[in-house]
Amino acid sequence: MKEFKKQDRYVSLFTKLFGTLVLIGIVPLVVMGISIYNVYLNSLKETLLSNMYRTTRSIGRNVEDLFSEMSENTKYLYTHQVEDYGYLYEILENEELSENKKKAAITDMLRDILYMNQHIEDVIFILPDGRIYTVMRPPEAVADTDKILAWHRENVSK
């Protein structure tokens, strides 16, 4: 019976040492690992949010620049000088010019606008009487004038 109690005492001592090792060694490592993980996670979250914010601002500036550039490109139609003529209106109202010369002058202006910006694929100019002037980047496709005029009637000629 005495031998049995000694063995219980040794097991108990082993259990105590193992428990102490766990408390002193492993628990602090786990607590430290969890805290490092949380700090890393918060840092990663802040970095991602900061990058998303900078990217969004950059995209916003690029879109704003693109819209202002497009606005300037469309104003070009009304400020462009063609040889001795003043503005687009004067070209269209000048009865001394043949229809072919008017078309050539307007097409040249539209082509200038087309190549002002790489994002412009097609420039269409529609007169109130329904005449259409258009230029496209190669490969040129045939413009569906019926659809263009229908859109013009629905959206512009109200």
C-alpha atoms as a PDB file:
ATOM      1  CA  MET A   1       0.000   0.000   0.000  1.00  0.00           C
ATOM      2  CA  LYS A   2       2.840   2.328   0.672  1.00  0.00           C
ATOM      3  CA  GLU A   3       4.160   1.808  -2.849  1.00  0.00           C
ATOM      4  CA  PHE A   4       0.858   2.830  -4.344  1.00  0.00           C
ATOM      5  CA  LYS A   5       0.887   6.163  -2.455  1.00  0.00           C
ATOM      6  CA  LYS A   6       4.417   6.911  -3.654  1.00  0.00           C
ATOM      7  CA  GLN A   7       3.327   6.410  -7.241  1.00  0.00           C
ATOM      8  CA  ASP A   8       0.345   8.757  -6.720  1.00  0.00           C
ATOM      9  CA  ARG A   9       2.715  11.274  -5.251  1.00  0.00           C
ATOM     10  CA  TYR A  10       5.054  11.028  -8.257  1.00  0.00           C
ATOM     11  CA  VAL A  11       2.204  11.299 -10.713  1.00  0.00           C
ATOM     12  CA  SER A  12       0.885  14.229  -8.850  1.00  0.00           C
ATOM     13  CA  LEU A  13       4.303  15.888  -8.943  1.00  0.00           C
ATOM     14  CA  PHE A  14       4.569  15.209 -12.703  1.00  0.00           C
ATOM     15  CA  THR A  15       1.114  16.680 -13.235  1.00  0.00           C
ATOM     16  CA  LYS A  16       2.062  19.719 -11.190  1.00  0.00           C
ATOM     17  CA  LEU A  17       5.268  20.273 -13.165  1.00  0.00           C
ATOM     18  CA  PHE A  18       3.459  19.818 -16.462  1.00  0.00           C
ATOM     19  CA  GLY A  19       0.728  22.260 -15.407  1.00  0.00           C
ATOM     20  CA  THR A  20       3.350  24.774 -14.313  1.00  0.00           C
ATOM     21  CA  LEU A  21       5.167  24.404 -17.643  1.00  0.00           C
ATOM     22  CA  VAL A  22       1.938  25.013 -19.509  1.00  0.00           C
ATOM     23  CA  LEU A  23       1.063  28.058 -17.389  1.00  0.00           C
ATOM     24  CA  ILE A  24       4.543  29.596 -17.504  1.00  0.00           C
ATOM     25  CA  GLY A  25       5.511  28.695 -21.073  1.00  0.00           C
ATOM     26  CA  ILE A  26       2.641  27.932 -23.376  1.00  0.00           C
ATOM     27  CA  VAL A  27      -0.100  30.254 -22.135  1.00  0.00           C
ATOM     28  CA  PRO A  28       2.089  33.399 -22.510  1.00  0.00           C
ATOM     29  CA  LEU A  29       3.082  32.244 -26.003  1.00  0.00           C
ATOM     30  CA  VAL A  30      -0.567  31.818 -26.980  1.00  0.00           C
ATOM     31  CA  VAL A  31      -1.525  35.210 -25.473  1.00  0.00           C
ATOM     32  CA  MET A  32       1.434  36.862 -27.234  1.00  0.00           C
ATOM     33  CA  GLY A  33       0.532  35.147 -30.534  1.00  0.00           C
ATOM     34  CA  ILE A  34      -3.068  36.329 -30.307  1.00  0.00           C
ATOM     35  CA  SER A  35      -2.014  39.903 -29.539  1.00  0.00           C
ATOM     36  CA  ILE A  36       0.522  39.934 -32.402  1.00  0.00           C
ATOM     37  CA  TYR A  37      -2.162  38.539 -34.726  1.00  0.00           C
ATOM     38  CA  ASN A  38      -4.605  41.304 -33.698  1.00  0.00           C
ATOM     39  CA  VAL A  39      -1.978  44.036 -34.184  1.00  0.00           C
ATOM     40  CA  TYR A  40      -1.076  42.616 -37.597  1.00  0.00           C
ATOM     41  CA  LEU A  41      -4.746  42.373 -38.575  1.00  0.00           C
ATOM     42  CA  ASN A  42      -5.412  45.997 -37.572  1.00  0.00           C
ATOM     43  CA  SER A  43      -2.294  47.176 -39.413  1.00  0.00           C
ATOM     44  CA  LEU A  44      -3.317  45.258 -42.520  1.00  0.00           C
ATOM     45  CA  LYS A  45      -6.824  46.711 -42.326  1.00  0.00           C
ATOM     46  CA  GLU A  46      -5.478  50.286 -42.032  1.00  0.00           C
ATOM     47  CA  THR A  47      -3.084  49.731 -44.947  1.00  0.00           C
ATOM     48  CA  LEU A  48      -5.834  48.316 -47.163  1.00  0.00           C
ATOM     49  CA  LEU A  49      -8.219  51.164 -46.317  1.00  0.00           C
ATOM     50  CA  SER A  50      -5.505  53.727 -46.970  1.00  0.00           C
ATOM     51  CA  ASN A  51      -4.655  52.139 -50.334  1.00  0.00           C
ATOM     52  CA  MET A  52      -8.331  51.956 -51.309  1.00  0.00           C
ATOM     53  CA  TYR A  53      -8.792  55.623 -50.375  1.00  0.00           C
ATOM     54  CA  ARG A  54      -5.754  56.695 -52.441  1.00  0.00           C
ATOM     55  CA  THR A  55      -6.860  54.541 -55.381  1.00  0.00           C
ATOM     56  CA  THR A  56     -10.385  55.959 -55.244  1.00  0.00           C
ATOM     57  CA  ARG A  57      -9.064  59.527 -55.145  1.00  0.00           C
ATOM     58  CA  SER A  58      -6.762  58.798 -58.077  1.00  0.00           C
ATOM     59  CA  ILE A  59      -9.600  57.285 -60.117  1.00  0.00           C
ATOM     60  CA  GLY A  60     -11.792  60.278 -59.270  1.00  0.00           C
ATOM     61  CA  ARG A  61      -9.114  62.710 -60.437  1.00  0.00           C
ATOM     62  CA  ASN A  62      -8.594  60.728 -63.642  1.00  0.00           C
ATOM     63  CA  VAL A  63     -12.334  60.691 -64.390  1.00  0.00           C
ATOM     64  CA  GLU A  64     -12.570  64.416 -63.638  1.00  0.00           C
ATOM     65  CA  ASP A  65      -9.621  65.123 -65.949  1.00  0.00           C
ATOM     66  CA  LEU A  66     -11.181  62.966 -68.671  1.00  0.00           C
ATOM     67  CA  PHE A  67     -14.526  64.786 -68.418  1.00  0.00           C
ATOM     68  CA  SER A  68     -12.902  68.220 -68.492  1.00  0.00           C
ATOM     69  CA  GLU A  69     -10.804  67.127 -71.475  1.00  0.00           C
ATOM     70  CA  MET A  70     -13.951  65.908 -73.257  1.00  0.00           C
ATOM     71  CA  SER A  71     -15.640  69.202 -72.456  1.00  0.00           C
ATOM     72  CA  GLU A  72     -12.728  71.110 -73.972  1.00  0.00           C
ATOM     73  CA  ASN A  73     -12.804  68.827 -77.014  1.00  0.00           C
ATOM     74  CA  THR A  74     -16.475  69.534 -77.657  1.00  0.00           C
ATOM     75  CA  LYS A  75     -15.966  73.296 -77.212  1.00  0.00           C
ATOM     76  CA  TYR A  76     -13.439  73.033 -80.023  1.00  0.00           C
ATOM     77  CA  LEU A  77     -16.272  72.825 -82.537  1.00  0.00           C
ATOM     78  CA  TYR A  78     -17.391  76.334 -81.664  1.00  0.00           C
ATOM     79  CA  THR A  79     -13.998  78.027 -81.408  1.00  0.00           C
ATOM     80  CA  HIS A  80     -12.102  76.388 -84.289  1.00  0.00           C
ATOM     81  CA  GLN A  81     -10.974  78.675 -87.103  1.00  0.00           C
ATOM     82  CA  VAL A  82     -11.078  77.275 -90.631  1.00  0.00           C
ATOM     83  CA  GLU A  83      -8.974  79.258 -93.111  1.00  0.00           C
ATOM     84  CA  ASP A  84     -10.765  82.597 -93.717  1.00  0.00           C
ATOM     85  CA  TYR A  85     -14.001  81.537 -92.047  1.00  0.00           C
ATOM     86  CA  GLY A  86     -14.937  82.370 -88.477  1.00  0.00           C
ATOM     87  CA  TYR A  87     -16.923  79.695 -86.736  1.00  0.00           C
ATOM     88  CA  LEU A  88     -18.797  76.550 -87.601  1.00  0.00           C
ATOM     89  CA  TYR A  89     -21.999  78.538 -87.902  1.00  0.00           C
ATOM     90  CA  GLU A  90     -20.458  80.761 -90.570  1.00  0.00           C
ATOM     91  CA  ILE A  91     -19.320  77.722 -92.528  1.00  0.00           C
ATOM     92  CA  LEU A  92     -22.804  76.251 -92.487  1.00  0.00           C
ATOM     93  CA  GLU A  93     -24.532  79.525 -93.352  1.00  0.00           C
ATOM     94  CA  ASN A  94     -22.121  80.543 -96.103  1.00  0.00           C
ATOM     95  CA  GLU A  95     -24.070  80.021 -99.308  1.00  0.00           C
ATOM     96  CA  GLU A  96     -21.015  80.664-101.483  1.00  0.00           C
ATOM     97  CA  LEU A  97     -19.472  77.351-100.379  1.00  0.00           C
ATOM     98  CA  SER A  98     -20.500  74.202-102.180  1.00  0.00           C
ATOM     99  CA  GLU A  99     -21.927  71.350-100.137  1.00  0.00           C
ATOM    100  CA  ASN A 100     -18.736  69.325-100.744  1.00  0.00           C
ATOM    101  CA  LYS A 101     -16.522  72.120 -99.374  1.00  0.00           C
ATOM    102  CA  LYS A 102     -18.771  72.491 -96.332  1.00  0.00           C
ATOM    103  CA  LYS A 103     -18.635  68.756 -95.766  1.00  0.00           C
ATOM    104  CA  ALA A 104     -14.836  68.737 -96.150  1.00  0.00           C
ATOM    105  CA  ALA A 105     -14.398  71.637 -93.683  1.00  0.00           C
ATOM    106  CA  ILE A 106     -16.723  70.066 -91.115  1.00  0.00           C
ATOM    107  CA  THR A 107     -15.135  66.632 -91.571  1.00  0.00           C
ATOM    108  CA  ASP A 108     -11.678  68.145 -91.017  1.00  0.00           C
ATOM    109  CA  MET A 109     -12.857  69.751 -87.782  1.00  0.00           C
ATOM    110  CA  LEU A 110     -14.444  66.488 -86.633  1.00  0.00           C
ATOM    111  CA  ARG A 111     -11.262  64.590 -87.499  1.00  0.00           C
ATOM    112  CA  ASP A 112      -9.254  67.101 -85.433  1.00  0.00           C
ATOM    113  CA  ILE A 113     -11.549  66.376 -82.486  1.00  0.00           C
ATOM    114  CA  LEU A 114     -11.332  62.618 -83.089  1.00  0.00           C
ATOM    115  CA  TYR A 115      -7.550  62.631 -82.811  1.00  0.00           C
ATOM    116  CA  MET A 116      -7.402  65.041 -79.862  1.00  0.00           C
ATOM    117  CA  ASN A 117      -8.025  62.209 -77.454  1.00  0.00           C
ATOM    118  CA  GLN A 118      -7.287  58.506 -77.701  1.00  0.00           C
ATOM    119  CA  HIS A 119     -10.547  57.647 -75.935  1.00  0.00           C
ATOM    120  CA  ILE A 120     -12.744  59.153 -78.640  1.00  0.00           C
ATOM    121  CA  GLU A 121     -13.779  56.493 -81.147  1.00  0.00           C
ATOM    122  CA  ASP A 122     -16.439  58.324 -83.158  1.00  0.00           C
ATOM    123  CA  VAL A 123     -17.462  61.952 -83.628  1.00  0.00           C
ATOM    124  CA  ILE A 124     -20.954  62.700 -84.904  1.00  0.00           C
ATOM    125  CA  PHE A 125     -22.308  66.157 -85.684  1.00  0.00           C
ATOM    126  CA  ILE A 126     -26.043  66.421 -86.389  1.00  0.00           C
ATOM    127  CA  LEU A 127     -27.605  69.579 -87.769  1.00  0.00           C
ATOM    128  CA  PRO A 128     -31.153  70.602 -86.833  1.00  0.00           C
ATOM    129  CA  ASP A 129     -32.311  69.736 -90.346  1.00  0.00           C
ATOM    130  CA  GLY A 130     -31.112  66.136 -89.890  1.00  0.00           C
ATOM    131  CA  ARG A 131     -27.847  66.249 -91.843  1.00  0.00           C
ATOM    132  CA  ILE A 132     -25.216  64.064 -90.221  1.00  0.00           C
ATOM    133  CA  TYR A 133     -21.444  64.481 -90.351  1.00  0.00           C
ATOM    134  CA  THR A 134     -19.381  61.695 -88.818  1.00  0.00           C
ATOM    135  CA  VAL A 135     -15.769  60.478 -88.595  1.00  0.00           C
ATOM    136  CA  MET A 136     -14.509  57.285 -86.964  1.00  0.00           C
ATOM    137  CA  ARG A 137     -11.234  55.695 -86.037  1.00  0.00           C
ATOM    138  CA  PRO A 138     -10.074  52.832 -88.237  1.00  0.00           C
ATOM    139  CA  PRO A 139     -11.394  50.260 -88.794  1.00  0.00           C
ATOM    140  CA  GLU A 140     -14.315  52.418 -89.811  1.00  0.00           C
ATOM    141  CA  ALA A 141     -17.775  50.971 -89.535  1.00  0.00           C
ATOM    142  CA  VAL A 142     -20.841  52.203 -91.298  1.00  0.00           C
ATOM    143  CA  ALA A 143     -22.850  54.383 -88.935  1.00  0.00           C
ATOM    144  CA  ASP A 144     -26.532  53.537 -88.653  1.00  0.00           C
ATOM    145  CA  THR A 145     -27.963  56.964 -89.463  1.00  0.00           C
ATOM    146  CA  ASP A 146     -31.528  55.898 -88.685  1.00  0.00           C
ATOM    147  CA  LYS A 147     -30.594  55.016 -85.099  1.00  0.00           C
ATOM    148  CA  ILE A 148     -28.577  58.214 -84.735  1.00  0.00           C
ATOM    149  CA  LEU A 149     -31.460  60.356 -85.960  1.00  0.00           C
ATOM    150  CA  ALA A 150     -33.954  58.491 -83.743  1.00  0.00           C
ATOM    151  CA  TRP A 151     -31.724  59.102 -80.723  1.00  0.00           C
ATOM    152  CA  HIS A 152     -31.351  62.751 -81.731  1.00  0.00           C
ATOM    153  CA  ARG A 153     -35.120  63.191 -82.020  1.00  0.00           C
ATOM    154  CA  GLU A 154     -35.738  61.549 -78.619  1.00  0.00           C
ATOM    155  CA  ASN A 155     -32.997  63.317 -76.680  1.00  0.00           C
ATOM    156  CA  VAL A 156     -32.209  66.595 -78.384  1.00  0.00           C
ATOM    157  CA  SER A 157     -35.098  67.742 -80.548  1.00  0.00           C
ATOM    158  CA  LYS A 158     -37.705  68.004 -77.791  1.00  0.00           C
END
